[in-house]
């Protein structure tokens, strides 16, 4: 006996319009996160990792904040512009990331 479960569809006829709207809103906001608020010590660690990655041509994994989500990229760092606080990358899709949006930098050697 094979039962086909229709998920939430079977319950929507019993729900109020307000409940459906709230469930839809919760589903849309589920993946949204706030921008990281990092302290000065972590930025100093990032600076050290960036310098080492540039000098020794290490590949890095960068976790960064973009459009209410955390994204991840593995790439090489071309340079770091301390005036504009930007990382310039060798990746084809993402050429630059603002330093303030970075949540983590991991050296991959």
C-alpha atoms as a PDB file:
ATOM      1  CA  UNK A   1       0.000   0.000   0.000  1.00  0.00           C
ATOM      2  CA  UNK A   2       1.616   3.226  -1.219  1.00  0.00           C
ATOM      3  CA  UNK A   3       0.406   6.450   0.401  1.00  0.00           C
ATOM      4  CA  UNK A   4       1.226   9.687  -1.382  1.00  0.00           C
ATOM      5  CA  UNK A   5       1.779  12.431   1.210  1.00  0.00           C
ATOM      6  CA  UNK A   6       0.916  15.902  -0.070  1.00  0.00           C
ATOM      7  CA  UNK A   7       2.765  17.732   2.733  1.00  0.00           C
ATOM      8  CA  UNK A   8       1.240  21.063   3.743  1.00  0.00           C
ATOM      9  CA  UNK A   9      -1.155  21.082   0.795  1.00  0.00           C
ATOM     10  CA  UNK A  10      -3.615  18.857   2.675  1.00  0.00           C
ATOM     11  CA  UNK A  11      -3.800  21.378   5.553  1.00  0.00           C
ATOM     12  CA  UNK A  12      -4.036  24.673   3.652  1.00  0.00           C
ATOM     13  CA  UNK A  13      -7.797  24.427   3.190  1.00  0.00           C
ATOM     14  CA  UNK A  14      -8.172  24.360   6.990  1.00  0.00           C
ATOM     15  CA  UNK A  15      -5.878  27.353   7.607  1.00  0.00           C
ATOM     16  CA  UNK A  16      -6.814  30.982   7.877  1.00  0.00           C
ATOM     17  CA  UNK A  17      -5.400  33.407   5.336  1.00  0.00           C
ATOM     18  CA  UNK A  18      -3.343  35.073   8.070  1.00  0.00           C
ATOM     19  CA  UNK A  19      -1.785  31.742   9.020  1.00  0.00           C
ATOM     20  CA  UNK A  20      -0.820  30.993   5.421  1.00  0.00           C
ATOM     21  CA  UNK A  21       0.742  34.448   5.064  1.00  0.00           C
ATOM     22  CA  UNK A  22       2.704  34.022   8.298  1.00  0.00           C
ATOM     23  CA  UNK A  23       3.972  30.563   7.245  1.00  0.00           C
ATOM     24  CA  UNK A  24       5.060  31.957   3.887  1.00  0.00           C
ATOM     25  CA  UNK A  25       6.830  34.862   5.612  1.00  0.00           C
ATOM     26  CA  UNK A  26       8.610  32.486   8.011  1.00  0.00           C
ATOM     27  CA  UNK A  27       9.731  30.307   5.109  1.00  0.00           C
ATOM     28  CA  UNK A  28      11.127  33.332   3.237  1.00  0.00           C
ATOM     29  CA  UNK A  29      12.986  34.635   6.321  1.00  0.00           C
ATOM     30  CA  UNK A  30      14.318  31.216   7.320  1.00  0.00           C
ATOM     31  CA  UNK A  31      17.618  31.574   5.449  1.00  0.00           C
ATOM     32  CA  UNK A  32      18.137  35.269   6.147  1.00  0.00           C
ATOM     33  CA  UNK A  33      20.824  36.129   8.651  1.00  0.00           C
ATOM     34  CA  UNK A  34      22.332  39.274  10.058  1.00  0.00           C
ATOM     35  CA  UNK A  35      25.675  40.685   9.036  1.00  0.00           C
ATOM     36  CA  UNK A  36      28.558  39.513  11.221  1.00  0.00           C
ATOM     37  CA  UNK A  37      29.733  41.865  13.944  1.00  0.00           C
ATOM     38  CA  UNK A  38      33.382  40.952  14.483  1.00  0.00           C
ATOM     39  CA  UNK A  39      35.852  42.510  16.881  1.00  0.00           C
ATOM     40  CA  UNK A  40      39.265  44.019  16.123  1.00  0.00           C
ATOM     41  CA  UNK A  41      41.213  40.895  17.135  1.00  0.00           C
ATOM     42  CA  UNK A  42      39.492  38.783  14.499  1.00  0.00           C
ATOM     43  CA  UNK A  43      40.269  41.404  11.854  1.00  0.00           C
ATOM     44  CA  UNK A  44      43.931  41.225  12.872  1.00  0.00           C
ATOM     45  CA  UNK A  45      43.851  37.444  12.399  1.00  0.00           C
ATOM     46  CA  UNK A  46      42.234  37.982   8.978  1.00  0.00           C
ATOM     47  CA  UNK A  47      44.994  40.471   8.076  1.00  0.00           C
ATOM     48  CA  UNK A  48      47.659  37.932   8.986  1.00  0.00           C
ATOM     49  CA  UNK A  49      45.958  35.187   6.927  1.00  0.00           C
ATOM     50  CA  UNK A  50      45.517  37.504   3.948  1.00  0.00           C
ATOM     51  CA  UNK A  51      49.178  38.539   3.974  1.00  0.00           C
ATOM     52  CA  UNK A  52      50.290  34.922   4.217  1.00  0.00           C
ATOM     53  CA  UNK A  53      47.935  33.840   1.423  1.00  0.00           C
ATOM     54  CA  UNK A  54      49.212  36.582  -0.887  1.00  0.00           C
ATOM     55  CA  UNK A  55      52.901  36.014  -0.120  1.00  0.00           C
ATOM     56  CA  UNK A  56      52.822  32.227  -0.378  1.00  0.00           C
ATOM     57  CA  UNK A  57      50.069  31.987  -3.010  1.00  0.00           C
ATOM     58  CA  UNK A  58      47.838  29.857  -0.785  1.00  0.00           C
ATOM     59  CA  UNK A  59      44.298  29.106  -1.805  1.00  0.00           C
ATOM     60  CA  UNK A  60      41.766  30.392   0.738  1.00  0.00           C
ATOM     61  CA  UNK A  61      38.215  29.560   1.633  1.00  0.00           C
ATOM     62  CA  UNK A  62      36.296  32.744   2.419  1.00  0.00           C
ATOM     63  CA  UNK A  63      32.916  32.742   4.102  1.00  0.00           C
ATOM     64  CA  UNK A  64      31.270  36.104   3.541  1.00  0.00           C
ATOM     65  CA  UNK A  65      27.949  37.872   4.001  1.00  0.00           C
ATOM     66  CA  UNK A  66      25.997  38.806   0.889  1.00  0.00           C
ATOM     67  CA  UNK A  67      22.322  39.584   0.405  1.00  0.00           C
ATOM     68  CA  UNK A  68      21.163  38.368   3.850  1.00  0.00           C
ATOM     69  CA  UNK A  69      22.976  35.037   3.438  1.00  0.00           C
ATOM     70  CA  UNK A  70      26.365  33.558   4.125  1.00  0.00           C
ATOM     71  CA  UNK A  71      28.192  32.409   1.025  1.00  0.00           C
ATOM     72  CA  UNK A  72      31.421  30.509   0.565  1.00  0.00           C
ATOM     73  CA  UNK A  73      34.134  30.719  -2.065  1.00  0.00           C
ATOM     74  CA  UNK A  74      37.485  29.009  -2.583  1.00  0.00           C
ATOM     75  CA  UNK A  75      39.922  31.181  -4.500  1.00  0.00           C
ATOM     76  CA  UNK A  76      43.257  32.978  -4.487  1.00  0.00           C
ATOM     77  CA  UNK A  77      43.696  36.545  -3.270  1.00  0.00           C
ATOM     78  CA  UNK A  78      45.245  38.998  -5.727  1.00  0.00           C
ATOM     79  CA  UNK A  79      45.620  41.927  -3.365  1.00  0.00           C
ATOM     80  CA  UNK A  80      44.154  43.718  -0.376  1.00  0.00           C
ATOM     81  CA  UNK A  81      43.347  47.409  -0.649  1.00  0.00           C
ATOM     82  CA  UNK A  82      43.520  48.782   2.902  1.00  0.00           C
ATOM     83  CA  UNK A  83      42.139  52.201   1.894  1.00  0.00           C
ATOM     84  CA  UNK A  84      38.930  50.841   0.406  1.00  0.00           C
ATOM     85  CA  UNK A  85      39.015  47.780   2.696  1.00  0.00           C
ATOM     86  CA  UNK A  86      38.496  45.393  -0.206  1.00  0.00           C
ATOM     87  CA  UNK A  87      39.907  42.011  -1.162  1.00  0.00           C
ATOM     88  CA  UNK A  88      40.556  41.457  -4.848  1.00  0.00           C
ATOM     89  CA  UNK A  89      40.189  37.828  -5.900  1.00  0.00           C
ATOM     90  CA  UNK A  90      41.184  35.698  -8.887  1.00  0.00           C
ATOM     91  CA  UNK A  91      37.732  34.102  -9.119  1.00  0.00           C
ATOM     92  CA  UNK A  92      35.751  34.637 -12.319  1.00  0.00           C
ATOM     93  CA  UNK A  93      32.360  35.196 -10.657  1.00  0.00           C
ATOM     94  CA  UNK A  94      33.371  37.286  -7.653  1.00  0.00           C
ATOM     95  CA  UNK A  95      36.192  39.740  -8.243  1.00  0.00           C
ATOM     96  CA  UNK A  96      36.094  41.598  -4.921  1.00  0.00           C
ATOM     97  CA  UNK A  97      34.733  41.330  -1.393  1.00  0.00           C
ATOM     98  CA  UNK A  98      34.517  44.095   1.163  1.00  0.00           C
ATOM     99  CA  UNK A  99      36.528  43.288   4.269  1.00  0.00           C
ATOM    100  CA  UNK A 100      33.614  44.129   6.580  1.00  0.00           C
ATOM    101  CA  UNK A 101      31.469  41.373   4.998  1.00  0.00           C
ATOM    102  CA  UNK A 102      33.943  38.582   5.696  1.00  0.00           C
ATOM    103  CA  UNK A 103      32.944  36.126   8.418  1.00  0.00           C
ATOM    104  CA  UNK A 104      35.893  33.711   8.098  1.00  0.00           C
ATOM    105  CA  UNK A 105      39.093  33.181   6.120  1.00  0.00           C
ATOM    106  CA  UNK A 106      40.632  29.715   6.069  1.00  0.00           C
ATOM    107  CA  UNK A 107      44.048  29.013   4.536  1.00  0.00           C
ATOM    108  CA  UNK A 108      44.004  25.889   2.375  1.00  0.00           C
ATOM    109  CA  UNK A 109      47.720  25.840   1.484  1.00  0.00           C
END
